Protein backbone atom coordinates (compact mmCIF):
# COMPACT_ATOMS: atom_id res chain seq x y z
CA MET A 1 -5.07 28.13 6.46
CA LEU A 2 -4.98 27.23 10.13
CA ILE A 3 -1.48 26.65 11.48
CA LEU A 4 -1.13 24.84 14.81
CA THR A 5 1.83 23.94 16.94
CA ARG A 6 1.33 20.76 18.93
CA LYS A 7 3.56 18.78 21.23
CA THR A 8 4.50 15.18 20.49
CA ASN A 9 1.89 12.59 21.52
CA THR A 10 -1.01 15.04 21.32
CA SER A 11 -3.78 15.27 18.74
CA VAL A 12 -6.10 17.60 16.86
CA ILE A 13 -9.75 16.62 16.29
CA ILE A 14 -11.86 18.00 13.42
CA THR A 15 -15.59 17.74 14.10
CA ASN A 16 -18.89 18.58 12.39
CA ILE A 17 -18.02 16.91 9.07
CA TYR A 18 -20.69 15.98 6.52
CA ASP A 19 -20.64 14.04 3.26
CA LYS A 20 -22.14 15.36 0.01
CA ASN A 21 -25.55 13.94 1.00
CA GLY A 22 -25.65 15.78 4.32
CA ASN A 23 -24.87 12.73 6.47
CA GLN A 24 -22.64 13.48 9.44
CA LEU A 25 -19.34 11.61 9.43
CA LYS A 26 -17.24 10.62 12.43
CA ASP A 27 -14.66 13.08 13.71
CA ILE A 28 -11.21 13.16 12.12
CA GLU A 29 -8.40 12.75 14.63
CA ILE A 30 -4.86 13.74 13.71
CA ASN A 31 -2.24 12.37 16.11
CA ILE A 32 1.24 13.89 16.36
CA TYR A 33 4.03 11.35 16.84
CA PRO A 34 7.79 11.70 17.35
CA ASP A 35 10.11 12.08 14.35
CA ASN A 36 7.69 14.29 12.36
CA ARG A 37 5.10 11.54 11.91
CA ILE A 38 1.34 11.99 12.03
CA GLY A 39 -1.56 9.54 12.21
CA ILE A 40 -4.98 10.32 10.73
CA ASP A 41 -8.13 8.49 11.82
CA ALA A 42 -11.02 9.37 9.48
CA ASP A 43 -14.14 7.90 7.93
CA SER A 44 -13.40 5.60 4.98
CA SER A 45 -15.27 8.00 2.67
CA ILE A 46 -12.64 10.71 3.30
CA ASP A 47 -9.80 10.80 0.75
CA ILE A 48 -6.42 11.69 2.26
CA TYR A 49 -3.50 12.53 -0.04
CA ARG A 50 -0.01 13.89 0.39
CA SER A 51 0.13 17.30 -1.30
CA GLU A 52 2.90 16.27 -3.70
CA ILE A 53 0.62 13.54 -5.12
CA LEU A 54 -1.98 16.13 -6.11
CA GLN A 55 0.53 18.47 -7.77
CA LEU A 56 0.40 16.64 -11.09
CA ASP A 57 1.31 19.60 -13.32
CA GLU A 58 4.87 20.02 -12.04
């Protein structure tokens, strides 16, 4: 796990992303906003879930 500390109104960009067919997808940009909010800009083929949604066995 990579843990980053970022200031408000900055972003993290994840590059070099490929789909299951080997096609390169656009970069994912994660923006850090005030009040513990984030914004994620990713290709529509990328599924983004909150972790509590995926913890179905609890």
